[in-house]
Amino acid sequence: MIPKSVPLRDERLFRLAMRHRSAAEDSVADSYERLEFFGDSVLGLVVAQYLYENHPDWDQGMLSKAKSSVVQEAPLAERALALGFDKTLELSPGEEATGGRRRPSILADVFEAVIGAIYLESGLEVARWFVLEQLDPYLSHVDTGDVNPYDFKSKLQEVVQATWQQTPVYKVVSESGTAHDRRFHVQVFVSREALGDGWGRSKKEAEQQAAKDALELIEGSRRAREFAEKDLELD
């Protein structure tokens, strides 16, 4: 069933946007990949126009960084989860068993596929409304000037250099998938100790996720130490 917040009436088109390649028939037209390709372009256009019109003082570099931070995997996957797309995904048993239903890369893909489907059914203005409504929290954030809210690598480097006077090292642990649907597993190390794991459709995305994982570990350890020190003071 199509979520009420998705302006799409054609159930067949919605089902196509939800169908992973692993659950499709032999034909390339039986999965969301073509819709994803189309929706990705519509998404980029809508976000680029929004930033261009609302920030006349930003140069090309600033606009490019802001656009990249909004249309990347993490925010798109978050919106797909919020819309319940993880519940309507069509996956093969093998993809289901390996956690595909909650995989950020797949969720981001179907979000873009839905944008493509909306455009095909109702045109650019409805697609624009949907994109701007769904991505409003992320657009509002970059409007403040923070155009790299998901640049976890830079944040981790600052923390590691300040704490240990070292630089994080990223290593590709494994690669999987087809040439069209590549997946990378990356770990980040400090003093030869693995602090975080990340997965993504590119090495860059996987490195960002590994850095995020490491930052969460460091922050959790820091809070644990603070609680322990408070307990000692109370004793």
Protein backbone atom coordinates (compact mmCIF):
# COMPACT_ATOMS: atom_id res chain seq x y z
CA MET A 1 0.00 0.00 0.00
CA ILE A 2 1.28 3.48 -0.89
CA PRO A 3 1.94 5.64 2.22
CA LYS A 4 -0.45 8.60 2.46
CA SER A 5 2.47 11.05 2.49
CA VAL A 6 3.61 9.86 -0.97
CA PRO A 7 1.75 11.70 -3.78
CA LEU A 8 1.48 8.66 -6.04
CA ARG A 9 -1.70 6.90 -7.19
CA ASP A 10 -0.35 4.17 -9.47
CA GLU A 11 0.14 1.10 -7.28
CA ARG A 12 2.00 -0.69 -10.08
CA LEU A 13 4.53 2.13 -10.35
CA PHE A 14 5.00 2.19 -6.58
CA ARG A 15 5.59 -1.58 -6.49
CA LEU A 16 8.22 -1.19 -9.18
CA ALA A 17 9.95 1.49 -7.12
CA MET A 18 10.05 -0.94 -4.19
CA ARG A 19 11.44 -3.94 -6.11
CA HIS A 20 15.12 -4.67 -5.58
CA ARG A 21 17.07 -6.23 -8.43
CA SER A 22 17.38 -9.47 -6.44
CA ALA A 23 13.58 -9.89 -6.50
CA ALA A 24 13.11 -8.91 -10.14
CA GLU A 25 12.68 -11.07 -13.21
CA ASP A 26 15.39 -11.23 -15.85
CA SER A 27 14.38 -7.94 -17.47
CA VAL A 28 16.16 -4.79 -16.25
CA ALA A 29 12.77 -3.05 -16.33
CA ASP A 30 11.47 -5.28 -13.52
CA SER A 31 13.43 -3.55 -10.72
CA TYR A 32 13.70 -0.01 -9.37
CA GLU A 33 17.07 0.68 -11.01
CA ARG A 34 15.79 2.71 -13.97
CA LEU A 35 13.46 4.72 -11.74
CA GLU A 36 16.33 5.30 -9.32
CA PHE A 37 18.51 6.64 -12.15
CA PHE A 38 15.76 9.04 -13.19
CA GLY A 39 14.82 10.07 -9.66
CA ASP A 40 18.43 10.82 -8.78
CA SER A 41 18.52 13.46 -11.52
CA VAL A 42 15.20 14.99 -10.44
CA LEU A 43 16.39 15.10 -6.82
CA GLY A 44 19.64 16.82 -7.79
CA LEU A 45 17.79 19.41 -9.88
CA VAL A 46 15.28 20.27 -7.14
CA VAL A 47 17.90 20.63 -4.41
CA ALA A 48 20.26 22.61 -6.66
CA GLN A 49 17.48 25.05 -7.59
CA TYR A 50 16.47 25.46 -3.93
CA LEU A 51 20.04 26.29 -2.89
CA TYR A 52 20.63 28.58 -5.88
CA GLU A 53 17.49 30.61 -5.19
CA ASN A 54 17.83 30.79 -1.40
CA HIS A 55 21.56 31.52 -1.14
CA PRO A 56 22.53 34.14 -3.73
CA ASP A 57 25.70 34.92 -1.73
CA TRP A 58 27.10 31.37 -1.88
CA ASP A 59 29.72 30.57 -4.51
CA GLN A 60 29.82 27.40 -6.61
CA GLY A 61 31.96 25.53 -4.07
CA MET A 62 29.59 26.29 -1.20
CA LEU A 63 26.54 25.34 -3.26
CA SER A 64 28.16 22.08 -4.34
CA LYS A 65 29.07 21.08 -0.76
CA ALA A 66 25.58 21.92 0.48
CA LYS A 67 23.92 19.91 -2.31
CA SER A 68 26.17 16.89 -1.68
CA SER A 69 25.37 16.87 2.03
CA VAL A 70 21.62 16.78 1.36
CA VAL A 71 21.39 14.25 -1.48
CA GLN A 72 23.78 11.67 -0.05
CA GLU A 73 22.88 8.22 1.26
CA ALA A 74 22.34 8.96 4.97
CA PRO A 75 19.52 11.54 4.79
CA LEU A 76 17.78 9.72 1.94
CA ALA A 77 17.83 6.44 3.86
CA GLU A 78 16.49 8.18 6.97
CA ARG A 79 13.53 9.56 5.02
CA ALA A 80 12.87 6.17 3.41
CA LEU A 81 12.68 4.61 6.88
CA ALA A 82 10.40 7.39 8.13
CA LEU A 83 8.05 6.72 5.20
CA GLY A 84 8.02 3.00 5.94
CA PHE A 85 9.65 1.90 2.69
CA ASP A 86 11.57 -0.80 4.58
CA LYS A 87 8.23 -2.56 5.14
CA THR A 88 7.20 -2.50 1.46
CA LEU A 89 10.53 -3.46 -0.13
CA GLU A 90 10.59 -6.55 -2.34
CA LEU A 91 13.81 -8.53 -1.78
CA SER A 92 15.09 -11.99 -2.55
CA PRO A 93 15.37 -14.38 0.44
CA GLY A 94 19.16 -14.05 0.29
CA GLU A 95 19.09 -10.24 0.37
CA GLU A 96 16.53 -10.36 3.16
CA ALA A 97 18.74 -12.68 5.22
CA THR A 98 21.73 -10.34 4.96
CA GLY A 99 19.82 -7.32 6.30
CA GLY A 100 18.91 -5.71 2.99
CA ARG A 101 15.61 -4.37 4.30
CA ARG A 102 17.43 -1.93 6.60
CA ARG A 103 20.51 -1.33 4.45
CA PRO A 104 21.01 2.43 3.94
CA SER A 105 22.19 2.06 0.35
CA ILE A 106 19.02 0.19 -0.68
CA LEU A 107 16.74 2.57 1.24
CA ALA A 108 18.38 5.56 -0.43
CA ASP A 109 17.89 3.88 -3.81
CA VAL A 110 14.16 3.34 -3.32
CA PHE A 111 13.70 6.92 -2.09
CA GLU A 112 15.17 8.13 -5.38
CA ALA A 113 13.07 5.60 -7.31
CA VAL A 114 9.90 6.96 -5.70
CA ILE A 115 10.89 10.49 -6.73
CA GLY A 116 11.26 9.23 -10.29
CA ALA A 117 7.86 7.55 -10.13
CA ILE A 118 6.18 10.69 -8.82
CA TYR A 119 7.69 12.76 -11.63
CA LEU A 120 6.53 10.29 -14.29
CA GLU A 121 2.98 10.29 -12.94
CA SER A 122 2.49 13.94 -11.95
CA GLY A 123 5.37 16.02 -13.29
CA LEU A 124 8.12 18.19 -11.84
CA GLU A 125 6.08 20.44 -9.55
CA VAL A 126 4.61 17.55 -7.53
CA ALA A 127 8.01 15.87 -7.40
CA ARG A 128 9.54 19.17 -6.23
CA TRP A 129 6.92 19.50 -3.48
CA PHE A 130 7.65 15.95 -2.27
CA VAL A 131 11.44 16.42 -2.25
CA LEU A 132 11.33 19.77 -0.44
CA GLU A 133 8.84 18.51 2.14
CA GLN A 134 10.78 15.31 2.88
CA LEU A 135 14.21 16.93 2.97
CA ASP A 136 13.17 20.09 4.81
CA PRO A 137 15.11 19.24 8.03
CA TYR A 138 18.35 18.74 6.09
CA LEU A 139 17.85 21.81 3.90
CA SER A 140 17.08 23.89 7.00
CA HIS A 141 20.33 22.67 8.53
CA VAL A 142 22.51 23.64 5.57
CA ASP A 143 20.68 26.98 5.45
CA THR A 144 22.54 27.81 8.68
CA GLY A 145 25.85 27.51 6.84
CA ASP A 146 26.83 24.05 8.07
CA VAL A 147 27.19 22.44 4.65
CA ASN A 148 29.03 19.35 5.90
CA PRO A 149 26.80 17.87 8.63
CA TYR A 150 27.68 14.35 7.48
CA ASP A 151 31.44 14.92 7.12
CA PHE A 152 32.29 12.47 9.89
CA LYS A 153 35.82 11.91 8.56
CA SER A 154 36.84 15.52 9.22
CA LYS A 155 35.22 15.45 12.67
CA LEU A 156 36.97 12.18 13.56
CA GLN A 157 40.32 13.52 12.39
CA GLU A 158 39.94 16.57 14.64
CA VAL A 159 39.08 14.39 17.65
CA VAL A 160 41.88 11.87 17.04
CA GLN A 161 44.52 14.53 16.47
CA ALA A 162 43.48 16.44 19.57
CA THR A 163 43.34 13.33 21.76
CA TRP A 164 46.11 11.07 20.44
CA GLN A 165 48.07 13.34 18.08
CA GLN A 166 47.57 10.82 15.28
CA THR A 167 45.69 10.51 11.98
CA PRO A 168 42.98 7.85 11.43
CA VAL A 169 43.80 5.16 8.85
CA TYR A 170 41.06 3.67 6.65
CA LYS A 171 41.30 0.18 5.17
CA VAL A 172 38.95 -1.66 2.79
CA VAL A 173 38.06 -4.97 4.48
CA SER A 174 35.95 -6.41 1.66
CA GLU A 175 34.16 -5.67 -1.59
CA SER A 176 31.01 -7.41 -2.81
CA GLY A 177 28.20 -7.14 -5.32
CA THR A 178 28.11 -6.66 -9.06
CA ALA A 179 29.93 -3.95 -10.98
CA HIS A 180 26.67 -1.97 -11.08
CA ASP A 181 25.82 -2.56 -7.42
CA ARG A 182 29.17 -2.53 -5.60
CA ARG A 183 29.38 -2.61 -1.80
CA PHE A 184 32.42 -1.74 0.30
CA HIS A 185 33.22 -2.60 3.93
CA VAL A 186 35.76 -0.25 5.51
CA GLN A 187 37.34 -0.11 8.96
CA VAL A 188 39.06 2.89 10.53
CA PHE A 189 42.12 2.36 12.74
CA VAL A 190 43.93 4.44 15.34
CA SER A 191 47.18 2.98 16.68
CA ARG A 192 46.36 -0.25 14.82
CA GLU A 193 43.12 -0.59 16.79
CA ALA A 194 39.87 -0.76 14.80
CA LEU A 195 37.50 1.91 16.10
CA GLY A 196 34.71 1.76 13.54
CA ASP A 197 33.09 -0.15 10.68
CA GLY A 198 31.26 1.24 7.70
CA TRP A 199 29.49 0.00 4.57
CA GLY A 200 28.59 1.92 1.43
CA ARG A 201 28.16 1.98 -2.33
CA SER A 202 31.58 3.61 -2.64
CA LYS A 203 34.77 3.68 -0.59
CA LYS A 204 34.00 7.28 0.32
CA GLU A 205 30.56 6.46 1.71
CA ALA A 206 31.93 3.45 3.62
CA GLU A 207 34.70 5.60 5.12
CA GLN A 208 32.18 8.20 6.28
CA GLN A 209 30.09 5.51 7.97
CA ALA A 210 33.20 4.01 9.61
CA ALA A 211 34.15 7.45 10.92
CA LYS A 212 30.63 7.94 12.29
CA ASP A 213 30.83 4.55 14.03
CA ALA A 214 34.19 5.50 15.55
CA LEU A 215 32.90 8.87 16.77
CA GLU A 216 29.98 7.14 18.50
CA LEU A 217 32.39 4.71 20.19
CA ILE A 218 34.67 7.52 21.36
CA GLU A 219 31.73 9.56 22.64
CA GLY A 220 30.31 6.52 24.45
CA SER A 221 33.68 5.82 26.11
CA ARG A 222 33.99 9.47 27.11
CA ARG A 223 30.57 9.48 28.75
CA ALA A 224 31.37 6.22 30.56
CA ARG A 225 34.53 7.79 31.99
CA GLU A 226 32.61 10.88 33.09
CA PHE A 227 30.03 8.74 34.92
CA ALA A 228 32.81 6.70 36.55
CA GLU A 229 34.57 9.86 37.73
CA LYS A 230 31.33 11.20 39.21
CA ASP A 231 30.80 7.93 41.06
CA LEU A 232 34.31 8.18 42.52
CA GLU A 233 33.64 11.75 43.68
CA LEU A 234 30.43 10.63 45.40
CA ASP A 235 32.31 7.85 47.19
